[in-house]
């Protein structure tokens, strides 16, 4: 699924899919955070991705790197019942890799309204990053 990625890029993609931040990936691989940003940029360019959300969603569908020794840790699923219907709808789109502007166009609402729904959902779900939301949302996405 990974179009012509280098072994290091596959490692970065795998760790990104697990919800690690650039600094955490850099520390684990023993490189600088700038190097990780460059690898992520290269991955996005090769895969035709335009946003971090798309990268994280793409990373979740990729196969783990053979060089990665750690077994993936199953993240706790999101508590969807805590969300209002519109918040859940926005989160579902985020989990699928859509940007706020794309969600706004799909739902015919303003990007600012999407941001507010995202903020409220993050608070209710106790997640701190979009990556964490996507990773945990993939575990138990409601129908």
N, C-alpha and C. Protein backbone atom coordinates (compact mmCIF):
# COMPACT_ATOMS: atom_id res chain seq x y z
N UNK A 1 0.83 -1.20 0.00
CA UNK A 1 0.00 0.00 0.00
C UNK A 1 0.87 1.26 0.00
N UNK A 2 2.08 1.17 0.50
CA UNK A 2 2.97 2.31 0.58
C UNK A 2 3.73 2.45 -0.73
N UNK A 3 3.45 3.49 -1.52
CA UNK A 3 4.07 3.63 -2.84
C UNK A 3 5.54 4.01 -2.75
N UNK A 4 6.44 3.06 -3.00
CA UNK A 4 7.87 3.31 -3.09
C UNK A 4 8.44 4.08 -1.90
N UNK A 5 8.07 3.69 -0.71
CA UNK A 5 8.61 4.33 0.48
C UNK A 5 9.92 3.65 0.86
N UNK A 6 10.84 4.46 1.39
CA UNK A 6 12.09 3.91 1.89
C UNK A 6 11.81 3.15 3.18
N UNK A 7 12.74 2.30 3.62
CA UNK A 7 12.52 1.60 4.89
C UNK A 7 12.31 2.57 6.07
N UNK A 8 13.04 3.67 6.09
CA UNK A 8 12.89 4.65 7.18
C UNK A 8 11.52 5.32 7.11
N UNK A 9 11.06 5.63 5.90
CA UNK A 9 9.74 6.24 5.74
C UNK A 9 8.66 5.27 6.20
N UNK A 10 8.84 3.97 5.94
CA UNK A 10 7.86 2.98 6.42
C UNK A 10 7.84 2.93 7.95
N UNK A 11 9.03 3.06 8.57
CA UNK A 11 9.08 3.11 10.03
C UNK A 11 8.32 4.33 10.55
N UNK A 12 8.58 5.48 9.95
CA UNK A 12 7.92 6.73 10.36
C UNK A 12 6.41 6.60 10.17
N UNK A 13 5.99 6.01 9.06
CA UNK A 13 4.57 5.83 8.78
C UNK A 13 3.91 4.92 9.81
N UNK A 14 4.58 3.83 10.16
CA UNK A 14 4.06 2.91 11.16
C UNK A 14 3.89 3.60 12.51
N UNK A 15 4.91 4.34 12.93
CA UNK A 15 4.84 5.02 14.22
C UNK A 15 3.81 6.15 14.20
N UNK A 16 3.66 6.81 13.06
CA UNK A 16 2.63 7.84 12.91
C UNK A 16 1.25 7.21 13.06
N UNK A 17 1.08 6.03 12.48
CA UNK A 17 -0.19 5.32 12.57
C UNK A 17 -0.55 4.92 13.98
N UNK A 18 0.45 4.78 14.82
CA UNK A 18 0.21 4.45 16.23
C UNK A 18 -0.10 5.68 17.07
N UNK A 19 -0.09 6.85 16.43
CA UNK A 19 -0.46 8.07 17.13
C UNK A 19 0.69 8.79 17.80
N UNK A 20 1.94 8.41 17.50
CA UNK A 20 3.07 9.10 18.10
C UNK A 20 3.28 10.45 17.45
N UNK A 21 3.73 11.41 18.24
CA UNK A 21 4.04 12.75 17.75
C UNK A 21 5.45 12.74 17.15
N UNK A 22 5.76 13.78 16.37
CA UNK A 22 7.07 13.87 15.72
C UNK A 22 8.22 13.71 16.71
N UNK A 23 8.14 14.39 17.85
CA UNK A 23 9.20 14.33 18.84
C UNK A 23 9.37 12.92 19.41
N UNK A 24 8.26 12.23 19.61
CA UNK A 24 8.32 10.86 20.13
C UNK A 24 8.92 9.91 19.10
N UNK A 25 8.55 10.10 17.84
CA UNK A 25 9.11 9.28 16.76
C UNK A 25 10.61 9.54 16.65
N UNK A 26 10.99 10.82 16.71
CA UNK A 26 12.41 11.19 16.61
C UNK A 26 13.21 10.53 17.73
N UNK A 27 12.69 10.58 18.95
CA UNK A 27 13.40 9.99 20.09
C UNK A 27 13.53 8.47 19.92
N UNK A 28 12.47 7.84 19.45
CA UNK A 28 12.50 6.39 19.29
C UNK A 28 13.46 5.96 18.19
N UNK A 29 13.55 6.74 17.12
CA UNK A 29 14.43 6.37 16.01
C UNK A 29 15.83 6.97 16.11
N UNK A 30 16.04 7.86 17.09
CA UNK A 30 17.36 8.45 17.29
C UNK A 30 17.75 9.45 16.23
N UNK A 31 16.78 10.22 15.75
CA UNK A 31 17.04 11.26 14.76
C UNK A 31 16.39 12.55 15.23
N UNK A 32 16.59 13.63 14.48
CA UNK A 32 16.02 14.91 14.89
C UNK A 32 14.55 15.00 14.47
N UNK A 33 13.83 15.89 15.14
CA UNK A 33 12.43 16.11 14.81
C UNK A 33 12.29 16.67 13.39
N UNK A 34 13.24 17.48 12.96
CA UNK A 34 13.23 18.01 11.60
C UNK A 34 13.31 16.87 10.57
N UNK A 35 14.12 15.88 10.85
CA UNK A 35 14.24 14.71 9.96
C UNK A 35 12.89 14.00 9.84
N UNK A 36 12.20 13.85 10.96
CA UNK A 36 10.88 13.19 10.94
C UNK A 36 9.90 14.02 10.12
N UNK A 37 9.92 15.34 10.28
CA UNK A 37 9.02 16.19 9.49
C UNK A 37 9.31 16.04 8.00
N UNK A 38 10.59 15.94 7.65
CA UNK A 38 10.95 15.76 6.23
C UNK A 38 10.48 14.40 5.71
N UNK A 39 10.62 13.36 6.52
CA UNK A 39 10.14 12.04 6.12
C UNK A 39 8.63 12.06 5.93
N UNK A 40 7.91 12.68 6.87
CA UNK A 40 6.45 12.75 6.75
C UNK A 40 6.05 13.53 5.51
N UNK A 41 6.75 14.60 5.22
CA UNK A 41 6.47 15.39 4.02
C UNK A 41 6.68 14.55 2.77
N UNK A 42 7.75 13.78 2.74
CA UNK A 42 8.05 12.92 1.60
C UNK A 42 6.98 11.84 1.44
N UNK A 43 6.54 11.26 2.55
CA UNK A 43 5.49 10.25 2.51
C UNK A 43 4.21 10.85 1.94
N UNK A 44 3.86 12.03 2.42
CA UNK A 44 2.64 12.69 1.97
C UNK A 44 2.71 12.98 0.47
N UNK A 45 3.86 13.45 0.01
CA UNK A 45 4.03 13.74 -1.42
C UNK A 45 3.90 12.47 -2.24
N UNK A 46 4.57 11.40 -1.84
CA UNK A 46 4.53 10.14 -2.58
C UNK A 46 3.14 9.52 -2.61
N UNK A 47 2.40 9.68 -1.51
CA UNK A 47 1.07 9.08 -1.40
C UNK A 47 -0.04 10.01 -1.88
N UNK A 48 0.31 11.26 -2.22
CA UNK A 48 -0.70 12.21 -2.70
C UNK A 48 -1.62 12.70 -1.60
N UNK A 49 -1.09 12.84 -0.39
CA UNK A 49 -1.88 13.30 0.75
C UNK A 49 -1.69 14.79 0.96
N UNK A 50 -2.73 15.45 1.48
CA UNK A 50 -2.68 16.90 1.65
C UNK A 50 -2.73 17.37 3.10
N UNK A 51 -3.01 16.47 4.03
CA UNK A 51 -3.14 16.91 5.42
C UNK A 51 -2.60 15.85 6.37
N UNK A 52 -2.33 16.29 7.59
CA UNK A 52 -1.88 15.36 8.63
C UNK A 52 -2.95 14.33 8.93
N UNK A 53 -4.21 14.75 8.91
CA UNK A 53 -5.31 13.81 9.15
C UNK A 53 -5.31 12.71 8.10
N UNK A 54 -5.09 13.07 6.85
CA UNK A 54 -5.02 12.07 5.79
C UNK A 54 -3.82 11.15 5.98
N UNK A 55 -2.70 11.72 6.41
CA UNK A 55 -1.50 10.92 6.65
C UNK A 55 -1.76 9.89 7.75
N UNK A 56 -2.39 10.32 8.84
CA UNK A 56 -2.66 9.41 9.96
C UNK A 56 -3.64 8.33 9.54
N UNK A 57 -4.68 8.71 8.79
CA UNK A 57 -5.63 7.71 8.30
C UNK A 57 -4.94 6.73 7.35
N UNK A 58 -4.06 7.23 6.47
CA UNK A 58 -3.29 6.39 5.55
C UNK A 58 -2.38 5.46 6.34
N UNK A 59 -1.74 5.99 7.37
CA UNK A 59 -0.82 5.19 8.18
C UNK A 59 -1.55 4.07 8.89
N UNK A 60 -2.78 4.30 9.28
CA UNK A 60 -3.57 3.27 9.95
C UNK A 60 -3.89 2.10 9.05
N UNK A 61 -3.92 2.34 7.75
CA UNK A 61 -4.21 1.27 6.80
C UNK A 61 -2.97 0.59 6.27
N UNK A 62 -1.78 1.08 6.63
CA UNK A 62 -0.54 0.49 6.12
C UNK A 62 -0.13 -0.70 6.97
N UNK A 63 0.69 -1.54 6.41
CA UNK A 63 1.17 -2.70 7.15
C UNK A 63 2.37 -2.29 7.99
N UNK A 64 2.52 -2.85 9.19
CA UNK A 64 3.64 -2.50 10.04
C UNK A 64 4.97 -2.86 9.40
N UNK A 65 5.98 -2.05 9.71
CA UNK A 65 7.32 -2.28 9.19
C UNK A 65 7.93 -3.52 9.81
N UNK A 66 8.67 -4.27 9.01
CA UNK A 66 9.35 -5.45 9.52
C UNK A 66 10.43 -5.08 10.52
N UNK A 67 11.00 -3.88 10.36
CA UNK A 67 12.07 -3.45 11.26
C UNK A 67 11.54 -2.99 12.61
N UNK A 68 10.23 -2.87 12.73
CA UNK A 68 9.62 -2.40 13.97
C UNK A 68 9.36 -3.59 14.88
N UNK A 69 10.10 -3.69 15.98
CA UNK A 69 10.01 -4.87 16.84
C UNK A 69 8.82 -4.84 17.79
N UNK A 70 8.36 -3.67 18.18
CA UNK A 70 7.30 -3.58 19.17
C UNK A 70 5.97 -4.01 18.58
N UNK A 71 5.20 -4.78 19.35
CA UNK A 71 3.85 -5.14 18.91
C UNK A 71 2.96 -3.92 19.10
N UNK A 72 2.02 -3.69 18.17
CA UNK A 72 1.15 -2.53 18.30
C UNK A 72 0.27 -2.64 19.54
N UNK A 73 0.12 -1.53 20.22
CA UNK A 73 -0.73 -1.48 21.40
C UNK A 73 -2.12 -1.06 20.95
N UNK A 74 -3.11 -1.84 21.34
CA UNK A 74 -4.49 -1.56 20.95
C UNK A 74 -4.98 -0.35 21.76
N UNK A 75 -5.31 0.78 21.08
CA UNK A 75 -5.78 1.95 21.81
C UNK A 75 -7.20 1.75 22.30
N UNK A 76 -7.53 2.45 23.37
CA UNK A 76 -8.90 2.39 23.90
C UNK A 76 -9.84 3.05 22.90
N UNK A 77 -10.99 2.44 22.63
CA UNK A 77 -11.93 3.04 21.68
C UNK A 77 -12.54 4.32 22.22
N UNK A 78 -13.01 5.15 21.31
CA UNK A 78 -13.69 6.38 21.72
C UNK A 78 -15.06 6.05 22.29
N UNK A 79 -15.53 6.87 23.20
CA UNK A 79 -16.86 6.72 23.79
C UNK A 79 -17.84 7.55 22.97
N UNK A 80 -18.34 6.96 21.89
CA UNK A 80 -19.18 7.68 20.95
C UNK A 80 -20.48 8.17 21.58
N UNK A 81 -20.97 7.47 22.61
CA UNK A 81 -22.24 7.85 23.21
C UNK A 81 -22.17 9.18 23.96
N UNK A 82 -20.98 9.69 24.21
CA UNK A 82 -20.82 10.98 24.88
C UNK A 82 -21.03 12.16 23.93
N UNK A 83 -21.03 11.88 22.63
CA UNK A 83 -21.08 12.95 21.63
C UNK A 83 -22.50 13.20 21.15
N UNK A 84 -22.74 14.45 20.81
CA UNK A 84 -23.99 14.79 20.13
C UNK A 84 -23.88 14.27 18.70
N UNK A 85 -25.03 14.11 18.02
CA UNK A 85 -24.99 13.54 16.66
C UNK A 85 -24.06 14.29 15.70
N UNK A 86 -24.08 15.61 15.72
CA UNK A 86 -23.24 16.38 14.79
C UNK A 86 -21.77 16.23 15.13
N UNK A 87 -21.45 16.22 16.43
CA UNK A 87 -20.06 16.02 16.85
C UNK A 87 -19.56 14.65 16.39
N UNK A 88 -20.41 13.63 16.56
CA UNK A 88 -20.03 12.28 16.13
C UNK A 88 -19.82 12.24 14.62
N UNK A 89 -20.66 12.95 13.88
CA UNK A 89 -20.54 12.99 12.43
C UNK A 89 -19.20 13.64 12.03
N UNK A 90 -18.85 14.72 12.69
CA UNK A 90 -17.58 15.40 12.42
C UNK A 90 -16.41 14.48 12.75
N UNK A 91 -16.48 13.80 13.89
CA UNK A 91 -15.40 12.89 14.29
C UNK A 91 -15.26 11.75 13.30
N UNK A 92 -16.37 11.22 12.81
CA UNK A 92 -16.30 10.14 11.81
C UNK A 92 -15.56 10.60 10.55
N UNK A 93 -15.82 11.84 10.15
CA UNK A 93 -15.12 12.38 8.98
C UNK A 93 -13.63 12.59 9.28
N UNK A 94 -13.31 13.03 10.49
CA UNK A 94 -11.91 13.20 10.89
C UNK A 94 -11.19 11.85 10.85
N UNK A 95 -11.84 10.82 11.39
CA UNK A 95 -11.25 9.48 11.42
C UNK A 95 -11.00 8.97 10.00
N UNK A 96 -11.85 9.36 9.06
CA UNK A 96 -11.66 8.91 7.68
C UNK A 96 -10.59 9.72 6.95
N UNK A 97 -10.07 10.78 7.60
CA UNK A 97 -8.95 11.54 7.03
C UNK A 97 -9.33 12.87 6.40
N UNK A 98 -10.54 13.34 6.62
CA UNK A 98 -10.97 14.61 6.04
C UNK A 98 -10.42 15.79 6.85
N UNK A 99 -10.15 16.89 6.15
CA UNK A 99 -9.74 18.12 6.81
C UNK A 99 -10.99 18.89 7.25
N UNK A 100 -10.82 19.92 8.06
CA UNK A 100 -11.96 20.72 8.51
C UNK A 100 -12.68 21.37 7.33
N UNK A 101 -11.93 21.85 6.35
CA UNK A 101 -12.56 22.47 5.18
C UNK A 101 -13.37 21.46 4.39
N UNK A 102 -12.83 20.25 4.24
CA UNK A 102 -13.57 19.21 3.52
C UNK A 102 -14.85 18.83 4.28
N UNK A 103 -14.74 18.71 5.59
CA UNK A 103 -15.92 18.38 6.41
C UNK A 103 -16.96 19.49 6.28
N UNK A 104 -16.51 20.73 6.33
CA UNK A 104 -17.43 21.86 6.21
C UNK A 104 -18.20 21.80 4.89
N UNK A 105 -17.48 21.49 3.81
CA UNK A 105 -18.15 21.39 2.50
C UNK A 105 -19.14 20.23 2.47
N UNK A 106 -18.74 19.09 3.03
CA UNK A 106 -19.61 17.91 3.04
C UNK A 106 -20.89 18.15 3.85
N UNK A 107 -20.74 18.81 5.00
CA UNK A 107 -21.88 19.02 5.90
C UNK A 107 -22.59 20.35 5.66
N UNK A 108 -22.05 21.14 4.73
CA UNK A 108 -22.62 22.45 4.40
C UNK A 108 -22.72 23.35 5.64
N UNK A 109 -21.59 23.41 6.38
CA UNK A 109 -21.46 24.30 7.53
C UNK A 109 -20.14 25.02 7.39
N UNK A 110 -19.90 26.01 8.24
CA UNK A 110 -18.66 26.76 8.13
C UNK A 110 -17.49 25.99 8.75
N UNK A 111 -16.26 26.23 8.27
CA UNK A 111 -15.10 25.60 8.88
C UNK A 111 -14.94 25.93 10.37
N UNK A 112 -15.37 27.12 10.76
CA UNK A 112 -15.31 27.50 12.17
C UNK A 112 -16.25 26.63 13.01
N UNK A 113 -17.42 26.32 12.46
CA UNK A 113 -18.36 25.44 13.16
C UNK A 113 -17.76 24.04 13.30
N UNK A 114 -17.08 23.59 12.27
CA UNK A 114 -16.41 22.29 12.33
C UNK A 114 -15.36 22.31 13.45
N UNK A 115 -14.59 23.40 13.53
CA UNK A 115 -13.57 23.53 14.58
C UNK A 115 -14.20 23.45 15.98
N UNK A 116 -15.34 24.11 16.15
CA UNK A 116 -16.02 24.08 17.46
C UNK A 116 -16.47 22.65 17.80
N UNK A 117 -17.03 21.95 16.80
CA UNK A 117 -17.45 20.56 17.03
C UNK A 117 -16.24 19.69 17.38
N UNK A 118 -15.12 19.93 16.70
CA UNK A 118 -13.90 19.17 16.99
C UNK A 118 -13.41 19.43 18.41
N UNK A 119 -13.41 20.71 18.81
CA UNK A 119 -12.96 21.06 20.16
C UNK A 119 -13.84 20.41 21.23
N UNK A 120 -15.15 20.51 21.04
CA UNK A 120 -16.07 19.91 22.03
C UNK A 120 -15.91 18.40 22.08
N UNK A 121 -15.76 17.78 20.92
CA UNK A 121 -15.58 16.33 20.87
C UNK A 121 -14.28 15.92 21.56
N UNK A 122 -13.20 16.66 21.31
CA UNK A 122 -11.92 16.35 21.96
C UNK A 122 -12.05 16.43 23.47
N UNK A 123 -12.73 17.48 23.96
CA UNK A 123 -12.91 17.63 25.41
C UNK A 123 -13.72 16.47 25.98
N UNK A 124 -14.84 16.14 25.34
CA UNK A 124 -15.71 15.07 25.83
C UNK A 124 -15.03 13.71 25.79
N UNK A 125 -14.21 13.48 24.77
CA UNK A 125 -13.58 12.18 24.59
C UNK A 125 -12.25 12.07 25.32
N UNK A 126 -11.72 13.19 25.79
CA UNK A 126 -10.46 13.17 26.51
C UNK A 126 -9.26 12.88 25.63
N UNK A 127 -9.32 13.34 24.37
CA UNK A 127 -8.18 13.17 23.47
C UNK A 127 -7.51 14.52 23.29
N UNK A 128 -6.20 14.50 23.04
CA UNK A 128 -5.46 15.75 22.96
C UNK A 128 -5.02 16.12 21.55
N UNK A 129 -4.94 15.13 20.67
CA UNK A 129 -4.48 15.41 19.31
C UNK A 129 -5.42 14.76 18.30
N UNK A 130 -5.35 15.25 17.07
CA UNK A 130 -6.12 14.66 15.99
C UNK A 130 -5.65 13.23 15.75
N UNK A 131 -4.35 13.01 15.86
CA UNK A 131 -3.81 11.67 15.68
C UNK A 131 -4.40 10.67 16.66
N UNK A 132 -4.51 11.08 17.91
CA UNK A 132 -5.10 10.21 18.93
C UNK A 132 -6.57 9.96 18.63
N UNK A 133 -7.27 10.99 18.17
CA UNK A 133 -8.69 10.84 17.83
C UNK A 133 -8.84 9.84 16.68
N UNK A 134 -8.00 9.96 15.67
CA UNK A 134 -8.09 9.06 14.52
C UNK A 134 -7.73 7.63 14.93
N UNK A 135 -6.66 7.47 15.68
CA UNK A 135 -6.22 6.15 16.09
C UNK A 135 -7.27 5.46 16.95
N UNK A 136 -7.79 6.16 17.94
CA UNK A 136 -8.81 5.56 18.81
C UNK A 136 -10.15 5.43 18.10
N UNK A 137 -10.44 6.32 17.18
CA UNK A 137 -11.69 6.25 16.44
C UNK A 137 -11.74 5.08 15.50
N UNK A 138 -10.59 4.66 14.99
CA UNK A 138 -10.53 3.51 14.09
C UNK A 138 -10.85 2.21 14.80
N UNK A 139 -10.62 2.16 16.12
CA UNK A 139 -10.80 0.93 16.88
C UNK A 139 -12.28 0.50 16.89
N UNK A 140 -13.17 1.44 17.12
CA UNK A 140 -14.60 1.10 17.23
C UNK A 140 -15.46 2.16 16.57
N UNK A 141 -15.35 2.27 15.29
CA UNK A 141 -16.14 3.25 14.53
C UNK A 141 -17.57 2.73 14.44
N UNK A 142 -18.56 3.52 14.93
CA UNK A 142 -19.95 3.04 14.86
C UNK A 142 -20.44 3.07 13.42
N UNK A 143 -21.41 2.23 13.16
CA UNK A 143 -21.98 2.12 11.79
C UNK A 143 -22.79 3.33 11.43
